[in-house]
Amino acid sequence: MRIRRLAFEAIQAHGAEGYPNEICGIMLGPLGQGERAVTEVRRARNIIVERSRDRYEIDPLDQIRIQREADAAGLDIVGYYHSHPDHPARASVFDTERAWAGYVYVIVSVENGKPVDANAFVAEKDGGPFHPDALEIT
């Protein structure tokens, strides 16, 4: 997966700002590109409150709003991102079980408020399993 540097930096900044809780958002790219290319990201609200340090769920209203914004701009939802506060940038069982096939998922590890690592994953079918996807920052 290719991601523009400014979009990647926006994900990292969001993760740092949201620490010590998980943050989440949606990644957008050109419509109908056969490859996964992220040109923009949009922040979304994590509606999980009780376990926000190790869980996220995108606010459905944000999902709808961002989809409409993407449609209006001629963009497509490429995937989703979230942070792992004080944990590695690898998919948890919870992340995998909630994955949708056809999208890329970026996880950024944030330790003590600073982004330290990021990885991308794709699910071969809804609910996983996940497979690593090369993350190319352009």
N, C-alpha and C. Protein backbone atom coordinates (compact mmCIF):
# COMPACT_ATOMS: atom_id res chain seq x y z
N MET A 1 0.82 -1.17 0.00
CA MET A 1 0.00 0.00 0.00
C MET A 1 0.87 1.24 0.00
N ARG A 2 0.54 2.18 -0.85
CA ARG A 2 1.25 3.47 -0.89
C ARG A 2 0.42 4.51 -0.15
N ILE A 3 1.10 5.33 0.64
CA ILE A 3 0.43 6.40 1.38
C ILE A 3 1.27 7.67 1.29
N ARG A 4 0.61 8.77 0.98
CA ARG A 4 1.32 10.04 0.93
C ARG A 4 1.87 10.39 2.31
N ARG A 5 3.06 10.97 2.31
CA ARG A 5 3.73 11.31 3.57
C ARG A 5 2.85 12.18 4.46
N LEU A 6 2.19 13.19 3.89
CA LEU A 6 1.34 14.07 4.72
C LEU A 6 0.18 13.30 5.35
N ALA A 7 -0.37 12.35 4.63
CA ALA A 7 -1.46 11.52 5.19
C ALA A 7 -0.92 10.65 6.32
N PHE A 8 0.25 10.05 6.11
CA PHE A 8 0.86 9.21 7.14
C PHE A 8 1.19 10.04 8.39
N GLU A 9 1.73 11.22 8.18
CA GLU A 9 2.06 12.09 9.31
C GLU A 9 0.80 12.52 10.06
N ALA A 10 -0.31 12.68 9.34
CA ALA A 10 -1.58 13.03 9.99
C ALA A 10 -2.06 11.88 10.88
N ILE A 11 -1.86 10.64 10.44
CA ILE A 11 -2.22 9.47 11.25
C ILE A 11 -1.36 9.45 12.52
N GLN A 12 -0.06 9.67 12.35
CA GLN A 12 0.83 9.68 13.51
C GLN A 12 0.44 10.78 14.50
N ALA A 13 0.16 11.97 13.98
CA ALA A 13 -0.22 13.09 14.85
C ALA A 13 -1.52 12.78 15.59
N HIS A 14 -2.47 12.18 14.90
CA HIS A 14 -3.74 11.82 15.53
C HIS A 14 -3.49 10.82 16.66
N GLY A 15 -2.63 9.83 16.41
CA GLY A 15 -2.31 8.85 17.44
C GLY A 15 -1.67 9.48 18.66
N ALA A 16 -0.74 10.43 18.43
CA ALA A 16 -0.07 11.11 19.54
C ALA A 16 -1.06 11.96 20.33
N GLU A 17 -1.95 12.67 19.64
CA GLU A 17 -2.93 13.53 20.30
C GLU A 17 -3.94 12.72 21.12
N GLY A 18 -4.28 11.54 20.64
CA GLY A 18 -5.28 10.73 21.32
C GLY A 18 -4.75 9.89 22.46
N TYR A 19 -3.42 9.76 22.54
CA TYR A 19 -2.80 8.95 23.58
C TYR A 19 -3.30 9.41 24.95
N PRO A 20 -3.64 8.54 25.87
CA PRO A 20 -3.39 7.09 25.91
C PRO A 20 -4.54 6.24 25.38
N ASN A 21 -5.45 6.82 24.63
CA ASN A 21 -6.57 6.07 24.09
C ASN A 21 -6.34 5.74 22.62
N GLU A 22 -7.05 4.74 22.14
CA GLU A 22 -6.99 4.41 20.72
C GLU A 22 -7.76 5.46 19.94
N ILE A 23 -7.17 5.85 18.82
CA ILE A 23 -7.85 6.76 17.89
C ILE A 23 -8.15 5.95 16.64
N CYS A 24 -9.00 6.52 15.77
CA CYS A 24 -9.33 5.81 14.53
C CYS A 24 -9.69 6.80 13.44
N GLY A 25 -9.62 6.33 12.22
CA GLY A 25 -9.97 7.18 11.09
C GLY A 25 -10.06 6.38 9.81
N ILE A 26 -10.33 7.09 8.75
CA ILE A 26 -10.57 6.48 7.45
C ILE A 26 -9.58 7.03 6.44
N MET A 27 -9.05 6.14 5.60
CA MET A 27 -8.07 6.51 4.59
C MET A 27 -8.76 6.55 3.22
N LEU A 28 -8.48 7.61 2.47
CA LEU A 28 -9.10 7.82 1.17
C LEU A 28 -8.05 7.85 0.06
N GLY A 29 -8.48 7.47 -1.14
CA GLY A 29 -7.60 7.51 -2.30
C GLY A 29 -8.40 7.63 -3.57
N PRO A 30 -7.70 7.72 -4.70
CA PRO A 30 -8.37 7.89 -5.99
C PRO A 30 -9.36 6.76 -6.28
N LEU A 31 -10.49 7.14 -6.82
CA LEU A 31 -11.55 6.20 -7.17
C LEU A 31 -11.10 5.29 -8.30
N GLY A 32 -11.36 3.99 -8.12
CA GLY A 32 -11.10 3.03 -9.18
C GLY A 32 -9.66 2.77 -9.52
N GLN A 33 -8.74 3.00 -8.57
CA GLN A 33 -7.31 2.77 -8.83
C GLN A 33 -7.07 1.28 -8.71
N GLY A 34 -6.86 0.39 -9.16
CA GLY A 34 -6.68 -1.01 -8.84
C GLY A 34 -5.73 -1.28 -7.70
N GLU A 35 -4.84 -0.36 -7.43
CA GLU A 35 -3.91 -0.55 -6.31
C GLU A 35 -4.36 0.28 -5.11
N ARG A 36 -3.85 -0.07 -3.98
CA ARG A 36 -4.20 0.68 -2.77
C ARG A 36 -3.26 1.88 -2.64
N ALA A 37 -3.83 3.07 -2.80
CA ALA A 37 -3.07 4.31 -2.68
C ALA A 37 -3.86 5.29 -1.83
N VAL A 38 -3.26 5.73 -0.73
CA VAL A 38 -3.92 6.66 0.19
C VAL A 38 -3.37 8.06 -0.05
N THR A 39 -4.28 8.99 -0.35
CA THR A 39 -3.88 10.37 -0.57
C THR A 39 -4.33 11.29 0.56
N GLU A 40 -5.38 10.89 1.28
CA GLU A 40 -5.93 11.71 2.35
C GLU A 40 -6.44 10.82 3.48
N VAL A 41 -6.51 11.37 4.67
CA VAL A 41 -7.12 10.66 5.79
C VAL A 41 -8.13 11.58 6.47
N ARG A 42 -9.11 10.97 7.10
CA ARG A 42 -10.13 11.70 7.85
C ARG A 42 -10.23 11.10 9.24
N ARG A 43 -10.21 11.96 10.24
CA ARG A 43 -10.37 11.50 11.61
C ARG A 43 -11.81 11.09 11.85
N ALA A 44 -11.98 10.07 12.68
CA ALA A 44 -13.31 9.63 13.09
C ALA A 44 -13.30 9.50 14.61
N ARG A 45 -14.47 9.54 15.18
CA ARG A 45 -14.59 9.43 16.64
C ARG A 45 -14.64 7.96 17.03
N ASN A 46 -13.87 7.62 18.05
CA ASN A 46 -13.92 6.28 18.64
C ASN A 46 -15.08 6.29 19.64
N ILE A 47 -16.12 5.49 19.36
CA ILE A 47 -17.30 5.52 20.23
C ILE A 47 -17.20 4.58 21.42
N ILE A 48 -16.12 3.81 21.50
CA ILE A 48 -15.93 2.96 22.68
C ILE A 48 -15.34 3.81 23.80
N VAL A 49 -15.98 3.77 24.95
CA VAL A 49 -15.54 4.60 26.07
C VAL A 49 -14.86 3.74 27.14
N GLU A 50 -15.50 2.65 27.54
CA GLU A 50 -15.00 1.87 28.67
C GLU A 50 -13.64 1.23 28.42
N ARG A 51 -13.36 0.81 27.19
CA ARG A 51 -12.09 0.14 26.89
C ARG A 51 -11.34 0.88 25.79
N SER A 52 -11.37 2.20 25.83
CA SER A 52 -10.78 2.98 24.75
C SER A 52 -9.26 2.89 24.69
N ARG A 53 -8.63 2.31 25.70
CA ARG A 53 -7.18 2.11 25.64
C ARG A 53 -6.81 0.91 24.77
N ASP A 54 -7.77 0.00 24.54
CA ASP A 54 -7.42 -1.17 23.73
C ASP A 54 -8.53 -1.60 22.76
N ARG A 55 -9.45 -0.70 22.47
CA ARG A 55 -10.53 -1.00 21.53
C ARG A 55 -10.91 0.27 20.78
N TYR A 56 -11.42 0.07 19.57
CA TYR A 56 -11.99 1.21 18.86
C TYR A 56 -13.18 0.75 18.04
N GLU A 57 -14.08 1.67 17.82
CA GLU A 57 -15.17 1.47 16.89
C GLU A 57 -15.49 2.83 16.29
N ILE A 58 -15.46 2.92 14.99
CA ILE A 58 -15.70 4.18 14.30
C ILE A 58 -17.18 4.56 14.45
N ASP A 59 -17.40 5.81 14.81
CA ASP A 59 -18.76 6.33 14.91
C ASP A 59 -19.46 6.16 13.56
N PRO A 60 -20.60 5.46 13.52
CA PRO A 60 -21.30 5.25 12.25
C PRO A 60 -21.65 6.56 11.53
N LEU A 61 -21.93 7.62 12.29
CA LEU A 61 -22.22 8.90 11.66
C LEU A 61 -20.99 9.47 10.96
N ASP A 62 -19.81 9.27 11.55
CA ASP A 62 -18.57 9.69 10.90
C ASP A 62 -18.34 8.86 9.63
N GLN A 63 -18.61 7.58 9.71
CA GLN A 63 -18.45 6.70 8.54
C GLN A 63 -19.30 7.22 7.37
N ILE A 64 -20.54 7.54 7.65
CA ILE A 64 -21.44 8.04 6.61
C ILE A 64 -20.97 9.40 6.08
N ARG A 65 -20.62 10.30 7.00
CA ARG A 65 -20.16 11.63 6.60
C ARG A 65 -18.92 11.54 5.72
N ILE A 66 -17.96 10.73 6.13
CA ILE A 66 -16.71 10.62 5.38
C ILE A 66 -16.95 9.95 4.03
N GLN A 67 -17.84 8.98 3.97
CA GLN A 67 -18.17 8.36 2.68
C GLN A 67 -18.78 9.39 1.73
N ARG A 68 -19.66 10.23 2.25
CA ARG A 68 -20.26 11.28 1.42
C ARG A 68 -19.21 12.28 0.95
N GLU A 69 -18.30 12.68 1.85
CA GLU A 69 -17.22 13.60 1.47
C GLU A 69 -16.35 12.98 0.38
N ALA A 70 -16.04 11.70 0.53
CA ALA A 70 -15.23 11.00 -0.46
C ALA A 70 -15.95 10.96 -1.81
N ASP A 71 -17.21 10.60 -1.79
CA ASP A 71 -17.99 10.56 -3.04
C ASP A 71 -17.98 11.92 -3.74
N ALA A 72 -18.19 12.97 -2.97
CA ALA A 72 -18.24 14.32 -3.54
C ALA A 72 -16.90 14.74 -4.14
N ALA A 73 -15.81 14.23 -3.57
CA ALA A 73 -14.46 14.58 -4.03
C ALA A 73 -13.92 13.61 -5.07
N GLY A 74 -14.72 12.60 -5.45
CA GLY A 74 -14.25 11.61 -6.42
C GLY A 74 -13.20 10.67 -5.83
N LEU A 75 -13.30 10.44 -4.52
CA LEU A 75 -12.36 9.55 -3.84
C LEU A 75 -13.10 8.30 -3.37
N ASP A 76 -12.32 7.33 -2.94
CA ASP A 76 -12.87 6.07 -2.45
C ASP A 76 -12.27 5.77 -1.08
N ILE A 77 -12.99 5.03 -0.26
CA ILE A 77 -12.42 4.57 1.01
C ILE A 77 -11.48 3.41 0.69
N VAL A 78 -10.21 3.61 1.02
CA VAL A 78 -9.18 2.60 0.79
C VAL A 78 -9.06 1.70 2.01
N GLY A 79 -9.24 2.28 3.18
CA GLY A 79 -9.10 1.50 4.40
C GLY A 79 -9.28 2.34 5.64
N TYR A 80 -8.79 1.76 6.73
CA TYR A 80 -9.02 2.34 8.05
C TYR A 80 -7.71 2.34 8.83
N TYR A 81 -7.61 3.27 9.77
CA TYR A 81 -6.42 3.28 10.63
C TYR A 81 -6.85 3.41 12.09
N HIS A 82 -5.97 2.95 12.96
CA HIS A 82 -6.16 3.17 14.39
C HIS A 82 -4.82 3.04 15.09
N SER A 83 -4.79 3.42 16.36
CA SER A 83 -3.55 3.37 17.12
C SER A 83 -3.59 2.25 18.14
N HIS A 84 -2.40 1.84 18.56
CA HIS A 84 -2.23 0.91 19.67
C HIS A 84 -1.36 1.62 20.71
N PRO A 85 -1.97 2.21 21.73
CA PRO A 85 -1.19 2.87 22.77
C PRO A 85 -0.38 1.86 23.58
N ASP A 86 0.92 2.08 23.62
CA ASP A 86 1.85 1.26 24.39
C ASP A 86 1.78 -0.22 24.02
N HIS A 87 1.45 -0.51 22.77
CA HIS A 87 1.44 -1.88 22.25
C HIS A 87 1.97 -1.87 20.83
N PRO A 88 2.47 -3.01 20.36
CA PRO A 88 3.03 -3.09 19.01
C PRO A 88 2.00 -2.80 17.92
N ALA A 89 2.49 -2.44 16.75
CA ALA A 89 1.65 -2.14 15.59
C ALA A 89 1.31 -3.43 14.85
N ARG A 90 0.67 -4.33 15.56
CA ARG A 90 0.21 -5.57 14.92
C ARG A 90 -1.24 -5.80 15.31
N ALA A 91 -1.94 -6.47 14.43
CA ALA A 91 -3.38 -6.64 14.60
C ALA A 91 -3.69 -7.57 15.77
N SER A 92 -4.64 -7.15 16.57
CA SER A 92 -5.12 -7.98 17.67
C SER A 92 -6.21 -8.91 17.15
N VAL A 93 -6.61 -9.85 17.98
CA VAL A 93 -7.73 -10.73 17.63
C VAL A 93 -8.98 -9.89 17.41
N PHE A 94 -9.21 -8.91 18.27
CA PHE A 94 -10.37 -8.01 18.14
C PHE A 94 -10.33 -7.30 16.79
N ASP A 95 -9.16 -6.76 16.41
CA ASP A 95 -9.02 -6.07 15.12
C ASP A 95 -9.34 -7.00 13.97
N THR A 96 -8.80 -8.20 14.04
CA THR A 96 -8.96 -9.17 12.95
C THR A 96 -10.42 -9.59 12.78
N GLU A 97 -11.07 -9.87 13.88
CA GLU A 97 -12.47 -10.33 13.82
C GLU A 97 -13.40 -9.29 13.22
N ARG A 98 -13.03 -8.02 13.30
CA ARG A 98 -13.88 -6.94 12.81
C ARG A 98 -13.47 -6.43 11.42
N ALA A 99 -12.49 -7.07 10.82
CA ALA A 99 -11.97 -6.62 9.53
C ALA A 99 -12.90 -6.97 8.37
N TRP A 100 -12.89 -6.10 7.38
CA TRP A 100 -13.63 -6.33 6.14
C TRP A 100 -12.63 -6.60 5.02
N ALA A 101 -12.92 -7.58 4.21
CA ALA A 101 -12.08 -7.89 3.06
C ALA A 101 -12.10 -6.71 2.08
N GLY A 102 -10.99 -6.51 1.39
CA GLY A 102 -10.92 -5.48 0.37
C GLY A 102 -10.42 -4.14 0.86
N TYR A 103 -10.19 -4.01 2.15
CA TYR A 103 -9.69 -2.75 2.71
C TYR A 103 -8.32 -3.00 3.35
N VAL A 104 -7.54 -1.93 3.43
CA VAL A 104 -6.27 -2.01 4.13
C VAL A 104 -6.44 -1.36 5.50
N TYR A 105 -5.76 -1.92 6.48
CA TYR A 105 -5.82 -1.43 7.85
C TYR A 105 -4.41 -1.04 8.28
N VAL A 106 -4.25 0.19 8.72
CA VAL A 106 -2.96 0.66 9.22
C VAL A 106 -3.07 0.81 10.72
N ILE A 107 -2.10 0.26 11.41
CA ILE A 107 -2.03 0.37 12.87
C ILE A 107 -0.74 1.10 13.20
N VAL A 108 -0.85 2.15 14.00
CA VAL A 108 0.32 2.90 14.45
C VAL A 108 0.50 2.65 15.95
N SER A 109 1.71 2.25 16.32
CA SER A 109 2.05 2.05 17.72
C SER A 109 2.49 3.39 18.30
N VAL A 110 1.89 3.75 19.45
CA VAL A 110 2.21 5.00 20.12
C VAL A 110 2.67 4.66 21.54
N GLU A 111 3.94 4.95 21.81
CA GLU A 111 4.50 4.67 23.13
C GLU A 111 4.76 5.99 23.86
N ASN A 112 4.21 6.09 25.04
CA ASN A 112 4.38 7.31 25.85
C ASN A 112 4.07 8.57 25.07
N GLY A 113 3.04 8.51 24.22
CA GLY A 113 2.59 9.67 23.47
C GLY A 113 3.32 9.94 22.17
N LYS A 114 4.26 9.06 21.80
CA LYS A 114 5.02 9.27 20.56
C LYS A 114 4.85 8.08 19.61
N PRO A 115 4.52 8.36 18.34
CA PRO A 115 4.40 7.27 17.36
C PRO A 115 5.77 6.64 17.13
N VAL A 116 5.86 5.31 17.20
CA VAL A 116 7.14 4.63 17.06
C VAL A 116 7.19 3.61 15.93
N ASP A 117 6.03 3.16 15.46
CA ASP A 117 6.01 2.12 14.42
C ASP A 117 4.65 2.12 13.76
N ALA A 118 4.58 1.57 12.57
CA ALA A 118 3.29 1.42 11.87
C ALA A 118 3.38 0.24 10.92
N ASN A 119 2.28 -0.44 10.77
CA ASN A 119 2.20 -1.58 9.84
C ASN A 119 0.84 -1.57 9.17
N ALA A 120 0.80 -2.18 7.99
CA ALA A 120 -0.45 -2.29 7.24
C ALA A 120 -0.83 -3.75 7.10
N PHE A 121 -2.13 -4.01 7.07
CA PHE A 121 -2.66 -5.37 6.98
C PHE A 121 -3.86 -5.38 6.04
N VAL A 122 -4.09 -6.52 5.41
CA VAL A 122 -5.30 -6.74 4.62
C VAL A 122 -5.90 -8.07 5.05
N ALA A 123 -7.22 -8.15 4.98
CA ALA A 123 -7.93 -9.38 5.34
C ALA A 123 -8.34 -10.09 4.05
N GLU A 124 -8.11 -11.39 4.01
CA GLU A 124 -8.49 -12.13 2.81
C GLU A 124 -9.99 -12.35 2.72
N LYS A 125 -10.67 -12.26 3.87
CA LYS A 125 -12.13 -12.33 3.89
C LYS A 125 -12.61 -11.58 5.12
N ASP A 126 -13.90 -11.26 5.17
CA ASP A 126 -14.43 -10.58 6.34
C ASP A 126 -14.12 -11.40 7.59
N GLY A 127 -13.60 -10.74 8.62
CA GLY A 127 -13.25 -11.43 9.85
C GLY A 127 -11.87 -12.06 9.84
N GLY A 128 -11.11 -11.79 8.79
CA GLY A 128 -9.72 -12.27 8.74
C GLY A 128 -9.59 -13.63 8.12
N PRO A 129 -8.40 -14.14 8.13
CA PRO A 129 -7.21 -13.64 8.82
C PRO A 129 -6.58 -12.44 8.10
N PHE A 130 -5.75 -11.71 8.85
CA PHE A 130 -5.00 -10.59 8.31
C PHE A 130 -3.68 -11.10 7.74
N HIS A 131 -3.22 -10.38 6.72
CA HIS A 131 -1.88 -10.61 6.16
C HIS A 131 -1.18 -9.27 6.09
N PRO A 132 0.12 -9.23 6.37
CA PRO A 132 0.85 -7.96 6.27
C PRO A 132 0.81 -7.43 4.83
N ASP A 133 0.79 -6.12 4.71
CA ASP A 133 0.83 -5.44 3.42
C ASP A 133 1.95 -4.43 3.52
N ALA A 134 2.82 -4.40 2.53
CA ALA A 134 3.94 -3.45 2.56
C ALA A 134 3.40 -2.02 2.64
N LEU A 135 4.01 -1.23 3.48
CA LEU A 135 3.60 0.16 3.70
C LEU A 135 4.67 1.05 3.08
N GLU A 136 4.34 1.69 1.96
CA GLU A 136 5.28 2.55 1.24
C GLU A 136 4.83 4.01 1.41
N ILE A 137 5.68 4.82 2.05
CA ILE A 137 5.37 6.22 2.28
C ILE A 137 6.00 7.02 1.15
N THR A 138 5.16 7.79 0.43
CA THR A 138 5.65 8.51 -0.75
C THR A 138 5.56 10.02 -0.57
